[in-house]
Amino acid sequence: MYPGRSLKPGNTVWRTGAQTGCILGGATESNKGLRIRILQAQPKGVDGPIGGVFQILDAGDNKHAEFLAPLLGKTADADTVLGTIRRAHPSCVNIVNTNLLFVEEPRLVDNTHASAGDFLQ
């Protein structure tokens, strides 16, 4: 692999969307190993940051991991994540943009009537 080359698969959240409760994974070097559980459905075709709040399950193995460590296990939104990583890397794009994440695990239960609180413990 060449440095800086994208790992993005063709199945990013931007292309596929994602249902509430899904676990999303990082699709590039900048968010490699990142895992989040979304608490709001993400429609396909919507570019930009993930909408709503999500749980950060794993900061991954990337240049932002140490800065995300305080957020592990907590709920956050895209603005919080961006603010956190930009303290150290001011010009970085948001690592939770829909074109930088893929659905790692689909929701495991029928969440049709679930709310964000159903996933928080």
PDB file of N, CA and C in Angstrom:
ATOM      1  N   MET A   1       0.857  -1.176   0.000  1.00  0.00           N
ATOM      2  CA  MET A   1       0.000   0.000   0.000  1.00  0.00           C
ATOM      3  C   MET A   1       0.893   1.226   0.000  1.00  0.00           C
ATOM      4  N   TYR A   2       0.471   2.223  -0.721  1.00  0.00           N
ATOM      5  CA  TYR A   2       1.211   3.477  -0.801  1.00  0.00           C
ATOM      6  C   TYR A   2       0.703   4.433   0.268  1.00  0.00           C
ATOM      7  N   PRO A   3       1.602   5.173   0.923  1.00  0.00           N
ATOM      8  CA  PRO A   3       1.158   6.130   1.947  1.00  0.00           C
ATOM      9  C   PRO A   3       0.139   7.112   1.383  1.00  0.00           C
ATOM     10  N   GLY A   4      -0.899   7.357   2.147  1.00  0.00           N
ATOM     11  CA  GLY A   4      -1.918   8.311   1.735  1.00  0.00           C
ATOM     12  C   GLY A   4      -2.951   7.746   0.777  1.00  0.00           C
ATOM     13  N   ARG A   5      -2.731   6.529   0.305  1.00  0.00           N
ATOM     14  CA  ARG A   5      -3.696   5.928  -0.626  1.00  0.00           C
ATOM     15  C   ARG A   5      -4.941   5.486   0.144  1.00  0.00           C
ATOM     16  N   SER A   6      -6.076   5.739  -0.418  1.00  0.00           N
ATOM     17  CA  SER A   6      -7.342   5.438   0.242  1.00  0.00           C
ATOM     18  C   SER A   6      -7.600   3.938   0.303  1.00  0.00           C
ATOM     19  N   LEU A   7      -8.197   3.514   1.401  1.00  0.00           N
ATOM     20  CA  LEU A   7      -8.652   2.138   1.559  1.00  0.00           C
ATOM     21  C   LEU A   7     -10.153   2.037   1.324  1.00  0.00           C
ATOM     22  N   LYS A   8     -10.781   3.134   0.921  1.00  0.00           N
ATOM     23  CA  LYS A   8     -12.238   3.190   0.861  1.00  0.00           C
ATOM     24  C   LYS A   8     -12.824   2.086  -0.009  1.00  0.00           C
ATOM     25  N   PRO A   9     -13.689   1.274   0.587  1.00  0.00           N
ATOM     26  CA  PRO A   9     -14.412   0.290  -0.214  1.00  0.00           C
ATOM     27  C   PRO A   9     -15.565   0.973  -0.940  1.00  0.00           C
ATOM     28  N   GLY A  10     -16.164   0.276  -1.876  1.00  0.00           N
ATOM     29  CA  GLY A  10     -17.301   0.834  -2.605  1.00  0.00           C
ATOM     30  C   GLY A  10     -18.571   0.866  -1.781  1.00  0.00           C
ATOM     31  N   ASN A  11     -18.537   0.305  -0.589  1.00  0.00           N
ATOM     32  CA  ASN A  11     -19.744   0.220   0.235  1.00  0.00           C
ATOM     33  C   ASN A  11     -19.720   1.179   1.413  1.00  0.00           C
ATOM     34  N   THR A  12     -19.317   2.404   1.164  1.00  0.00           N
ATOM     35  CA  THR A  12     -19.327   3.384   2.245  1.00  0.00           C
ATOM     36  C   THR A  12     -20.769   3.729   2.621  1.00  0.00           C
ATOM     37  N   VAL A  13     -20.929   4.290   3.796  1.00  0.00           N
ATOM     38  CA  VAL A  13     -22.260   4.677   4.276  1.00  0.00           C
ATOM     39  C   VAL A  13     -22.906   5.670   3.310  1.00  0.00           C
ATOM     40  N   TRP A  14     -22.097   6.503   2.682  1.00  0.00           N
ATOM     41  CA  TRP A  14     -22.625   7.432   1.685  1.00  0.00           C
ATOM     42  C   TRP A  14     -23.350   6.664   0.578  1.00  0.00           C
ATOM     43  N   ARG A  15     -22.824   5.525   0.175  1.00  0.00           N
ATOM     44  CA  ARG A  15     -23.449   4.734  -0.896  1.00  0.00           C
ATOM     45  C   ARG A  15     -24.564   3.826  -0.422  1.00  0.00           C
ATOM     46  N   THR A  16     -24.443   3.293   0.794  1.00  0.00           N
ATOM     47  CA  THR A  16     -25.378   2.271   1.252  1.00  0.00           C
ATOM     48  C   THR A  16     -26.400   2.742   2.269  1.00  0.00           C
ATOM     49  N   GLY A  17     -26.060   3.819   3.011  1.00  0.00           N
ATOM     50  CA  GLY A  17     -26.872   4.182   4.165  1.00  0.00           C
ATOM     51  C   GLY A  17     -26.603   3.187   5.285  1.00  0.00           C
ATOM     52  N   ALA A  18     -27.220   3.388   6.439  1.00  0.00           N
ATOM     53  CA  ALA A  18     -27.049   2.482   7.573  1.00  0.00           C
ATOM     54  C   ALA A  18     -28.213   2.662   8.531  1.00  0.00           C
ATOM     55  N   GLN A  19     -28.660   1.562   9.109  1.00  0.00           N
ATOM     56  CA  GLN A  19     -29.785   1.589  10.033  1.00  0.00           C
ATOM     57  C   GLN A  19     -29.324   1.883  11.457  1.00  0.00           C
ATOM     58  N   THR A  20     -30.230   2.397  12.247  1.00  0.00           N
ATOM     59  CA  THR A  20     -29.970   2.639  13.661  1.00  0.00           C
ATOM     60  C   THR A  20     -29.436   1.368  14.308  1.00  0.00           C
ATOM     61  N   GLY A  21     -28.379   1.503  15.091  1.00  0.00           N
ATOM     62  CA  GLY A  21     -27.803   0.369  15.802  1.00  0.00           C
ATOM     63  C   GLY A  21     -26.656  -0.314  15.085  1.00  0.00           C
ATOM     64  N   CYS A  22     -26.429   0.025  13.826  1.00  0.00           N
ATOM     65  CA  CYS A  22     -25.324  -0.572  13.076  1.00  0.00           C
ATOM     66  C   CYS A  22     -23.985  -0.135  13.651  1.00  0.00           C
ATOM     67  N   ILE A  23     -23.005  -1.005  13.489  1.00  0.00           N
ATOM     68  CA  ILE A  23     -21.636  -0.642  13.831  1.00  0.00           C
ATOM     69  C   ILE A  23     -20.927  -0.296  12.533  1.00  0.00           C
ATOM     70  N   LEU A  24     -20.326   0.900  12.528  1.00  0.00           N
ATOM     71  CA  LEU A  24     -19.605   1.379  11.363  1.00  0.00           C
ATOM     72  C   LEU A  24     -18.114   1.329  11.640  1.00  0.00           C
ATOM     73  N   GLY A  25     -17.351   1.053  10.587  1.00  0.00           N
ATOM     74  CA  GLY A  25     -15.899   0.990  10.711  1.00  0.00           C
ATOM     75  C   GLY A  25     -15.235   2.008   9.806  1.00  0.00           C
ATOM     76  N   GLY A  26     -14.026   2.391  10.172  1.00  0.00           N
ATOM     77  CA  GLY A  26     -13.242   3.325   9.376  1.00  0.00           C
ATOM     78  C   GLY A  26     -12.776   2.684   8.076  1.00  0.00           C
ATOM     79  N   ALA A  27     -12.829   3.445   6.994  1.00  0.00           N
ATOM     80  CA  ALA A  27     -12.521   2.921   5.663  1.00  0.00           C
ATOM     81  C   ALA A  27     -11.248   3.510   5.058  1.00  0.00           C
ATOM     82  N   THR A  28     -10.516   4.324   5.799  1.00  0.00           N
ATOM     83  CA  THR A  28      -9.295   4.937   5.262  1.00  0.00           C
ATOM     84  C   THR A  28      -8.189   4.873   6.312  1.00  0.00           C
ATOM     85  N   GLU A  29      -6.987   5.241   5.914  1.00  0.00           N
ATOM     86  CA  GLU A  29      -5.874   5.281   6.861  1.00  0.00           C
ATOM     87  C   GLU A  29      -6.153   6.242   8.016  1.00  0.00           C
ATOM     88  N   SER A  30      -6.850   7.333   7.747  1.00  0.00           N
ATOM     89  CA  SER A  30      -7.083   8.343   8.787  1.00  0.00           C
ATOM     90  C   SER A  30      -8.057   7.883   9.868  1.00  0.00           C
ATOM     91  N   ASN A  31      -8.879   6.863   9.580  1.00  0.00           N
ATOM     92  CA  ASN A  31      -9.804   6.367  10.601  1.00  0.00           C
ATOM     93  C   ASN A  31      -9.759   4.840  10.717  1.00  0.00           C
ATOM     94  N   LYS A  32      -8.652   4.253  10.316  1.00  0.00           N
ATOM     95  CA  LYS A  32      -8.461   2.801  10.361  1.00  0.00           C
ATOM     96  C   LYS A  32      -8.716   2.275  11.779  1.00  0.00           C
ATOM     97  N   GLY A  33      -9.560   1.263  11.878  1.00  0.00           N
ATOM     98  CA  GLY A  33      -9.863   0.642  13.159  1.00  0.00           C
ATOM     99  C   GLY A  33     -10.922   1.343  13.986  1.00  0.00           C
ATOM    100  N   LEU A  34     -11.331   2.541  13.577  1.00  0.00           N
ATOM    101  CA  LEU A  34     -12.392   3.247  14.287  1.00  0.00           C
ATOM    102  C   LEU A  34     -13.673   2.437  14.184  1.00  0.00           C
ATOM    103  N   ARG A  35     -14.384   2.308  15.299  1.00  0.00           N
ATOM    104  CA  ARG A  35     -15.671   1.615  15.310  1.00  0.00           C
ATOM    105  C   ARG A  35     -16.654   2.454  16.106  1.00  0.00           C
ATOM    106  N   ILE A  36     -17.806   2.718  15.506  1.00  0.00           N
ATOM    107  CA  ILE A  36     -18.859   3.472  16.182  1.00  0.00           C
ATOM    108  C   ILE A  36     -20.198   2.760  15.997  1.00  0.00           C
ATOM    109  N   ARG A  37     -21.066   2.875  17.000  1.00  0.00           N
ATOM    110  CA  ARG A  37     -22.449   2.382  16.879  1.00  0.00           C
ATOM    111  C   ARG A  37     -23.324   3.602  16.695  1.00  0.00           C
ATOM    112  N   ILE A  38     -24.010   3.658  15.551  1.00  0.00           N
ATOM    113  CA  ILE A  38     -24.846   4.820  15.280  1.00  0.00           C
ATOM    114  C   ILE A  38     -26.186   4.695  15.994  1.00  0.00           C
ATOM    115  N   LEU A  39     -26.679   5.812  16.465  1.00  0.00           N
ATOM    116  CA  LEU A  39     -27.932   5.845  17.213  1.00  0.00           C
ATOM    117  C   LEU A  39     -29.026   6.556  16.427  1.00  0.00           C
ATOM    118  N   GLN A  40     -28.738   6.804  15.154  1.00  0.00           N
ATOM    119  CA  GLN A  40     -29.702   7.409  14.234  1.00  0.00           C
ATOM    120  C   GLN A  40     -29.422   6.837  12.854  1.00  0.00           C
ATOM    121  N   ALA A  41     -30.464   6.470  12.127  1.00  0.00           N
ATOM    122  CA  ALA A  41     -30.293   5.940  10.778  1.00  0.00           C
ATOM    123  C   ALA A  41     -29.606   6.969   9.883  1.00  0.00           C
ATOM    124  N   GLN A  42     -28.807   6.477   8.956  1.00  0.00           N
ATOM    125  CA  GLN A  42     -28.094   7.334   8.010  1.00  0.00           C
ATOM    126  C   GLN A  42     -28.590   7.004   6.603  1.00  0.00           C
ATOM    127  N   PRO A  43     -29.296   7.913   5.959  1.00  0.00           N
ATOM    128  CA  PRO A  43     -29.800   7.630   4.609  1.00  0.00           C
ATOM    129  C   PRO A  43     -28.658   7.590   3.599  1.00  0.00           C
ATOM    130  N   LYS A  44     -28.798   6.761   2.588  1.00  0.00           N
ATOM    131  CA  LYS A  44     -27.748   6.721   1.562  1.00  0.00           C
ATOM    132  C   LYS A  44     -27.809   7.992   0.721  1.00  0.00           C
ATOM    133  N   GLY A  45     -26.660   8.344   0.165  1.00  0.00           N
ATOM    134  CA  GLY A  45     -26.573   9.513  -0.693  1.00  0.00           C
ATOM    135  C   GLY A  45     -26.382  10.833   0.018  1.00  0.00           C
ATOM    136  N   VAL A  46     -26.297  10.797   1.357  1.00  0.00           N
ATOM    137  CA  VAL A  46     -26.094  12.026   2.121  1.00  0.00           C
ATOM    138  C   VAL A  46     -24.608  12.142   2.444  1.00  0.00           C
ATOM    139  N   ASP A  47     -23.970  13.141   1.869  1.00  0.00           N
ATOM    140  CA  ASP A  47     -22.545  13.354   2.060  1.00  0.00           C
ATOM    141  C   ASP A  47     -22.309  14.187   3.317  1.00  0.00           C
ATOM    142  N   GLY A  48     -21.140  14.063   3.896  1.00  0.00           N
ATOM    143  CA  GLY A  48     -20.790  14.846   5.076  1.00  0.00           C
ATOM    144  C   GLY A  48     -20.764  13.998   6.317  1.00  0.00           C
ATOM    145  N   PRO A  49     -20.784  14.632   7.482  1.00  0.00           N
ATOM    146  CA  PRO A  49     -20.661  13.894   8.738  1.00  0.00           C
ATOM    147  C   PRO A  49     -21.894  13.061   9.071  1.00  0.00           C
ATOM    148  N   ILE A  50     -21.662  12.012   9.843  1.00  0.00           N
ATOM    149  CA  ILE A  50     -22.743  11.178  10.357  1.00  0.00           C
ATOM    150  C   ILE A  50     -23.695  12.080  11.142  1.00  0.00           C
ATOM    151  N   GLY A  51     -24.982  11.872  10.948  1.00  0.00           N
ATOM    152  CA  GLY A  51     -25.972  12.659  11.668  1.00  0.00           C
ATOM    153  C   GLY A  51     -26.289  12.069  13.023  1.00  0.00           C
ATOM    154  N   GLY A  52     -26.605  12.908  13.963  1.00  0.00           N
ATOM    155  CA  GLY A  52     -27.002  12.461  15.292  1.00  0.00           C
ATOM    156  C   GLY A  52     -25.821  12.049  16.149  1.00  0.00           C
ATOM    157  N   VAL A  53     -26.145  11.381  17.246  1.00  0.00           N
ATOM    158  CA  VAL A  53     -25.100  10.926  18.155  1.00  0.00           C
ATOM    159  C   VAL A  53     -24.777   9.462  17.898  1.00  0.00           C
ATOM    160  N   PHE A  54     -23.618   9.061  18.381  1.00  0.00           N
ATOM    161  CA  PHE A  54     -23.153   7.680  18.221  1.00  0.00           C
ATOM    162  C   PHE A  54     -22.235   7.356  19.382  1.00  0.00           C
ATOM    163  N   GLN A  55     -22.032   6.062  19.593  1.00  0.00           N
ATOM    164  CA  GLN A  55     -21.106   5.601  20.618  1.00  0.00           C
ATOM    165  C   GLN A  55     -19.779   5.278  19.946  1.00  0.00           C
ATOM    166  N   ILE A  56     -18.698   5.706  20.561  1.00  0.00           N
ATOM    167  CA  ILE A  56     -17.368   5.353  20.055  1.00  0.00           C
ATOM    168  C   ILE A  56     -16.939   4.079  20.770  1.00  0.00           C
ATOM    169  N   LEU A  57     -16.841   3.002  20.000  1.00  0.00           N
ATOM    170  CA  LEU A  57     -16.510   1.692  20.561  1.00  0.00           C
ATOM    171  C   LEU A  57     -15.016   1.417  20.549  1.00  0.00           C
ATOM    172  N   ASP A  58     -14.326   1.920  19.533  1.00  0.00           N
ATOM    173  CA  ASP A  58     -12.884   1.700  19.399  1.00  0.00           C
ATOM    174  C   ASP A  58     -12.297   2.880  18.636  1.00  0.00           C
ATOM    175  N   ALA A  59     -11.223   3.440  19.146  1.00  0.00           N
ATOM    176  CA  ALA A  59     -10.576   4.575  18.480  1.00  0.00           C
ATOM    177  C   ALA A  59      -9.727   4.130  17.299  1.00  0.00           C
ATOM    178  N   GLY A  60      -9.393   2.858  17.257  1.00  0.00           N
ATOM    179  CA  GLY A  60      -8.649   2.315  16.132  1.00  0.00           C
ATOM    180  C   GLY A  60      -7.146   2.458  16.253  1.00  0.00           C
ATOM    181  N   ASP A  61      -6.504   2.261  15.100  1.00  0.00           N
ATOM    182  CA  ASP A  61      -5.059   2.329  14.987  1.00  0.00           C
ATOM    183  C   ASP A  61      -4.751   3.344  13.897  1.00  0.00           C
ATOM    184  N   ASN A  62      -4.831   4.598  14.240  1.00  0.00           N
ATOM    185  CA  ASN A  62      -4.651   5.676  13.277  1.00  0.00           C
ATOM    186  C   ASN A  62      -4.081   6.891  14.003  1.00  0.00           C
ATOM    187  N   LYS A  63      -3.764   7.927  13.268  1.00  0.00           N
ATOM    188  CA  LYS A  63      -3.107   9.083  13.883  1.00  0.00           C
ATOM    189  C   LYS A  63      -3.988   9.846  14.867  1.00  0.00           C
ATOM    190  N   HIS A  64      -5.279   9.573  14.886  1.00  0.00           N
ATOM    191  CA  HIS A  64      -6.200  10.277  15.781  1.00  0.00           C
ATOM    192  C   HIS A  64      -6.557   9.470  17.030  1.00  0.00           C
ATOM    193  N   ALA A  65      -6.160   8.204  17.082  1.00  0.00           N
ATOM    194  CA  ALA A  65      -6.603   7.295  18.144  1.00  0.00           C
ATOM    195  C   ALA A  65      -6.339   7.835  19.543  1.00  0.00           C
ATOM    196  N   GLU A  66      -5.149   8.357  19.790  1.00  0.00           N
ATOM    197  CA  GLU A  66      -4.844   8.830  21.145  1.00  0.00           C
ATOM    198  C   GLU A  66      -5.722  10.011  21.555  1.00  0.00           C
ATOM    199  N   PHE A  67      -6.141  10.814  20.599  1.00  0.00           N
ATOM    200  CA  PHE A  67      -6.981  11.970  20.904  1.00  0.00           C
ATOM    201  C   PHE A  67      -8.441  11.574  21.107  1.00  0.00           C
ATOM    202  N   LEU A  68      -8.827  10.438  20.515  1.00  0.00           N
ATOM    203  CA  LEU A  68     -10.195   9.945  20.671  1.00  0.00           C
ATOM    204  C   LEU A  68     -10.367   9.107  21.933  1.00  0.00           C
ATOM    205  N   ALA A  69      -9.268   8.674  22.527  1.00  0.00           N
ATOM    206  CA  ALA A  69      -9.331   7.788  23.697  1.00  0.00           C
ATOM    207  C   ALA A  69     -10.267   8.309  24.801  1.00  0.00           C
ATOM    208  N   PRO A  70     -10.276   9.596  25.126  1.00  0.00           N
ATOM    209  CA  PRO A  70     -11.189  10.069  26.182  1.00  0.00           C
ATOM    210  C   PRO A  70     -12.675   9.906  25.825  1.00  0.00           C
ATOM    211  N   LEU A  71     -12.972   9.703  24.551  1.00  0.00           N
ATOM    212  CA  LEU A  71     -14.366   9.565  24.123  1.00  0.00           C
ATOM    213  C   LEU A  71     -14.828   8.109  24.063  1.00  0.00           C
ATOM    214  N   LEU A  72     -13.926   7.166  24.290  1.00  0.00           N
ATOM    215  CA  LEU A  72     -14.284   5.747  24.206  1.00  0.00           C
ATOM    216  C   LEU A  72     -15.428   5.399  25.153  1.00  0.00           C
ATOM    217  N   GLY A  73     -16.408   4.679  24.613  1.00  0.00           N
ATOM    218  CA  GLY A  73     -17.551   4.253  25.410  1.00  0.00           C
ATOM    219  C   GLY A  73     -18.585   5.335  25.656  1.00  0.00           C
ATOM    220  N   LYS A  74     -18.323   6.519  25.171  1.00  0.00           N
ATOM    221  CA  LYS A  74     -19.243   7.638  25.382  1.00  0.00           C
ATOM    222  C   LYS A  74     -20.001   7.944  24.091  1.00  0.00           C
ATOM    223  N   THR A  75     -21.078   8.700  24.245  1.00  0.00           N
ATOM    224  CA  THR A  75     -21.773   9.176  23.056  1.00  0.00           C
ATOM    225  C   THR A  75     -21.164  10.507  22.653  1.00  0.00           C
ATOM    226  N   ALA A  76     -21.131  10.715  21.361  1.00  0.00           N
ATOM    227  CA  ALA A  76     -20.574  11.950  20.810  1.00  0.00           C
ATOM    228  C   ALA A  76     -21.308  12.241  19.517  1.00  0.00           C
ATOM    229  N   ASP A  77     -21.045  13.393  18.956  1.00  0.00           N
ATOM    230  CA  ASP A  77     -21.559  13.710  17.628  1.00  0.00           C
ATOM    231  C   ASP A  77     -20.361  14.086  16.749  1.00  0.00           C
ATOM    232  N   ALA A  78     -20.620  14.306  15.484  1.00  0.00           N
ATOM    233  CA  ALA A  78     -19.549  14.584  14.529  1.00  0.00           C
ATOM    234  C   ALA A  78     -18.781  15.852  14.878  1.00  0.00           C
ATOM    235  N   ASP A  79     -19.464  16.873  15.361  1.00  0.00           N
ATOM    236  CA  ASP A  79     -18.781  18.121  15.726  1.00  0.00           C
ATOM    237  C   ASP A  79     -17.812  17.907  16.885  1.00  0.00           C
ATOM    238  N   THR A  80     -18.204  17.089  17.849  1.00  0.00           N
ATOM    239  CA  THR A  80     -17.325  16.788  18.979  1.00  0.00           C
ATOM    240  C   THR A  80     -16.074  16.064  18.511  1.00  0.00           C
ATOM    241  N   VAL A  81     -16.258  15.068  17.645  1.00  0.00           N
ATOM    242  CA  VAL A  81     -15.112  14.321  17.120  1.00  0.00           C
ATOM    243  C   VAL A  81     -14.195  15.247  16.321  1.00  0.00           C
ATOM    244  N   LEU A  82     -14.768  16.052  15.458  1.00  0.00           N
ATOM    245  CA  LEU A  82     -13.956  16.957  14.648  1.00  0.00           C
ATOM    246  C   LEU A  82     -13.192  17.940  15.532  1.00  0.00           C
ATOM    247  N   GLY A  83     -13.835  18.508  16.516  1.00  0.00           N
ATOM    248  CA  GLY A  83     -13.166  19.431  17.429  1.00  0.00           C
ATOM    249  C   GLY A  83     -12.017  18.768  18.171  1.00  0.00           C
ATOM    250  N   THR A  84     -12.217  17.511  18.546  1.00  0.00           N
ATOM    251  CA  THR A  84     -11.185  16.760  19.268  1.00  0.00           C
ATOM    252  C   THR A  84      -9.963  16.510  18.388  1.00  0.00           C
ATOM    253  N   ILE A  85     -10.174  16.058  17.165  1.00  0.00           N
ATOM    254  CA  ILE A  85      -9.017  15.732  16.321  1.00  0.00           C
ATOM    255  C   ILE A  85      -8.334  16.987  15.775  1.00  0.00           C
ATOM    256  N   ARG A  86      -9.087  18.052  15.619  1.00  0.00           N
ATOM    257  CA  ARG A  86      -8.483  19.276  15.078  1.00  0.00           C
ATOM    258  C   ARG A  86      -7.606  20.011  16.080  1.00  0.00           C
ATOM    259  N   ARG A  87      -7.693  19.674  17.344  1.00  0.00           N
ATOM    260  CA  ARG A  87      -6.762  20.263  18.315  1.00  0.00           C
ATOM    261  C   ARG A  87      -5.332  19.883  17.968  1.00  0.00           C
ATOM    262  N   ALA A  88      -5.148  18.663  17.471  1.00  0.00           N
ATOM    263  CA  ALA A  88      -3.808  18.184  17.111  1.00  0.00           C
ATOM    264  C   ALA A  88      -3.536  18.281  15.610  1.00  0.00           C
ATOM    265  N   HIS A  89      -4.585  18.171  14.812  1.00  0.00           N
ATOM    266  CA  HIS A  89      -4.451  18.160  13.351  1.00  0.00           C
ATOM    267  C   HIS A  89      -5.471  19.133  12.753  1.00  0.00           C
ATOM    268  N   PRO A  90      -5.162  20.426  12.773  1.00  0.00           N
ATOM    269  CA  PRO A  90      -6.135  21.464  12.406  1.00  0.00           C
ATOM    270  C   PRO A  90      -6.735  21.364  11.002  1.00  0.00           C
ATOM    271  N   SER A  91      -6.056  20.745  10.072  1.00  0.00           N
ATOM    272  CA  SER A  91      -6.576  20.721   8.703  1.00  0.00           C
ATOM    273  C   SER A  91      -7.275  19.413   8.327  1.00  0.00           C
ATOM    274  N   CYS A  92      -7.443  18.506   9.278  1.00  0.00           N
ATOM    275  CA  CYS A  92      -8.051  17.209   8.970  1.00  0.00           C
ATOM    276  C   CYS A  92      -9.550  17.331   8.704  1.00  0.00           C
ATOM    277  N   VAL A  93     -10.015  16.473   7.800  1.00  0.00           N
ATOM    278  CA  VAL A  93     -11.459  16.367   7.573  1.00  0.00           C
ATOM    279  C   VAL A  93     -12.041  15.495   8.677  1.00  0.00           C
ATOM    280  N   ASN A  94     -13.341  15.508   8.806  1.00  0.00           N
ATOM    281  CA  ASN A  94     -13.992  14.740   9.856  1.00  0.00           C
ATOM    282  C   ASN A  94     -13.884  13.247   9.561  1.00  0.00           C
ATOM    283  N   ILE A  95     -13.353  12.487  10.501  1.00  0.00           N
ATOM    284  CA  ILE A  95     -13.169  11.057  10.302  1.00  0.00           C
ATOM    285  C   ILE A  95     -14.477  10.280  10.397  1.00  0.00           C
ATOM    286  N   VAL A  96     -15.568  10.958  10.748  1.00  0.00           N
ATOM    287  CA  VAL A  96     -16.872  10.298  10.768  1.00  0.00           C
ATOM    288  C   VAL A  96     -17.763  10.813   9.638  1.00  0.00           C
ATOM    289  N   ASN A  97     -17.154  11.158   8.518  1.00  0.00           N
ATOM    290  CA  ASN A  97     -17.931  11.496   7.322  1.00  0.00           C
ATOM    291  C   ASN A  97     -18.456  10.216   6.691  1.00  0.00           C
ATOM    292  N   THR A  98     -19.608  10.304   6.062  1.00  0.00           N
ATOM    293  CA  THR A  98     -20.256   9.114   5.500  1.00  0.00           C
ATOM    294  C   THR A  98     -19.444   8.447   4.395  1.00  0.00           C
ATOM    295  N   ASN A  99     -18.582   9.189   3.721  1.00  0.00           N
ATOM    296  CA  ASN A  99     -17.776   8.577   2.664  1.00  0.00           C
ATOM    297  C   ASN A  99     -16.480   7.970   3.194  1.00  0.00           C
ATOM    298  N   LEU A 100     -16.288   8.018   4.526  1.00  0.00           N
ATOM    299  CA  LEU A 100     -15.094   7.457   5.154  1.00  0.00           C
ATOM    300  C   LEU A 100     -15.416   6.305   6.103  1.00  0.00           C
ATOM    301  N   LEU A 101     -16.669   5.864   6.118  1.00  0.00           N
ATOM    302  CA  LEU A 101     -17.123   4.787   6.996  1.00  0.00           C
ATOM    303  C   LEU A 101     -17.889   3.745   6.197  1.00  0.00           C
ATOM    304  N   PHE A 102     -17.857   2.495   6.663  1.00  0.00           N
ATOM    305  CA  PHE A 102     -18.642   1.429   6.040  1.00  0.00           C
ATOM    306  C   PHE A 102     -19.384   0.673   7.131  1.00  0.00           C
ATOM    307  N   VAL A 103     -20.447  -0.035   6.745  1.00  0.00           N
ATOM    308  CA  VAL A 103     -21.208  -0.822   7.711  1.00  0.00           C
ATOM    309  C   VAL A 103     -20.417  -2.092   7.996  1.00  0.00           C
ATOM    310  N   GLU A 104     -19.932  -2.170   9.227  1.00  0.00           N
ATOM    311  CA  GLU A 104     -19.148  -3.331   9.657  1.00  0.00           C
ATOM    312  C   GLU A 104     -20.061  -4.437  10.141  1.00  0.00           C
ATOM    313  N   GLU A 105     -21.035  -4.058  10.972  1.00  0.00           N
ATOM    314  CA  GLU A 105     -22.018  -5.006  11.489  1.00  0.00           C
ATOM    315  C   GLU A 105     -23.394  -4.393  11.348  1.00  0.00           C
ATOM    316  N   PRO A 106     -24.285  -5.104  10.671  1.00  0.00           N
ATOM    317  CA  PRO A 106     -25.658  -4.593  10.609  1.00  0.00           C
ATOM    318  C   PRO A 106     -26.288  -4.690  11.999  1.00  0.00           C
ATOM    319  N   ARG A 107     -27.381  -4.006  12.177  1.00  0.00           N
ATOM    320  CA  ARG A 107     -28.040  -4.077  13.483  1.00  0.00           C
ATOM    321  C   ARG A 107     -28.392  -5.529  13.778  1.00  0.00           C
ATOM    322  N   LEU A 108     -28.324  -5.890  15.025  1.00  0.00           N
ATOM    323  CA  LEU A 108     -28.512  -7.279  15.419  1.00  0.00           C
ATOM    324  C   LEU A 108     -29.934  -7.605  15.834  1.00  0.00           C
ATOM    325  N   VAL A 109     -30.732  -6.589  16.101  1.00  0.00           N
ATOM    326  CA  VAL A 109     -32.113  -6.793  16.505  1.00  0.00           C
ATOM    327  C   VAL A 109     -32.988  -5.849  15.709  1.00  0.00           C
ATOM    328  N   ASP A 110     -34.275  -6.066  15.742  1.00  0.00           N
ATOM    329  CA  ASP A 110     -35.187  -5.162  15.063  1.00  0.00           C
ATOM    330  C   ASP A 110     -35.300  -3.889  15.876  1.00  0.00           C
ATOM    331  N   ASN A 111     -34.719  -2.816  15.348  1.00  0.00           N
ATOM    332  CA  ASN A 111     -34.711  -1.535  16.054  1.00  0.00           C
ATOM    333  C   ASN A 111     -35.757  -0.574  15.518  1.00  0.00           C
ATOM    334  N   THR A 112     -36.762  -1.076  14.866  1.00  0.00           N
ATOM    335  CA  THR A 112     -37.746  -0.228  14.227  1.00  0.00           C
ATOM    336  C   THR A 112     -38.300   0.818  15.182  1.00  0.00           C
ATOM    337  N   HIS A 113     -38.492   0.434  16.439  1.00  0.00           N
ATOM    338  CA  HIS A 113     -39.077   1.343  17.417  1.00  0.00           C
ATOM    339  C   HIS A 113     -38.066   1.726  18.506  1.00  0.00           C
ATOM    340  N   ALA A 114     -36.791   1.539  18.206  1.00  0.00           N
ATOM    341  CA  ALA A 114     -35.747   1.834  19.210  1.00  0.00           C
ATOM    342  C   ALA A 114     -35.451   3.327  19.238  1.00  0.00           C
ATOM    343  N   SER A 115     -34.973   3.759  20.384  1.00  0.00           N
ATOM    344  CA  SER A 115     -34.493   5.138  20.530  1.00  0.00           C
ATOM    345  C   SER A 115     -33.027   5.068  20.927  1.00  0.00           C
ATOM    346  N   ALA A 116     -32.354   6.179  20.876  1.00  0.00           N
ATOM    347  CA  ALA A 116     -30.932   6.217  21.210  1.00  0.00           C
ATOM    348  C   ALA A 116     -30.686   5.640  22.598  1.00  0.00           C
ATOM    349  N   GLY A 117     -31.558   5.882  23.542  1.00  0.00           N
ATOM    350  CA  GLY A 117     -31.392   5.393  24.902  1.00  0.00           C
ATOM    351  C   GLY A 117     -31.395   3.874  25.006  1.00  0.00           C
ATOM    352  N   ASP A 118     -31.982   3.190  24.014  1.00  0.00           N
ATOM    353  CA  ASP A 118     -32.025   1.732  24.036  1.00  0.00           C
ATOM    354  C   ASP A 118     -30.639   1.118  23.878  1.00  0.00           C
ATOM    355  N   PHE A 119     -29.689   1.872  23.337  1.00  0.00           N
ATOM    356  CA  PHE A 119     -28.358   1.347  23.073  1.00  0.00           C
ATOM    357  C   PHE A 119     -27.345   1.795  24.113  1.00  0.00           C
ATOM    358  N   LEU A 120     -27.714   2.720  24.965  1.00  0.00           N
ATOM    359  CA  LEU A 120     -26.789   3.261  25.950  1.00  0.00           C
ATOM    360  C   LEU A 120     -26.840   2.449  27.230  1.00  0.00           C
ATOM    361  N   GLN A 121     -25.671   2.223  27.799  1.00  0.00           N
ATOM    362  CA  GLN A 121     -25.636   1.456  29.050  1.00  0.00           C
ATOM    363  C   GLN A 121     -24.723   2.104  30.022  1.00  0.00           C
TER     364      GLN A 121
END
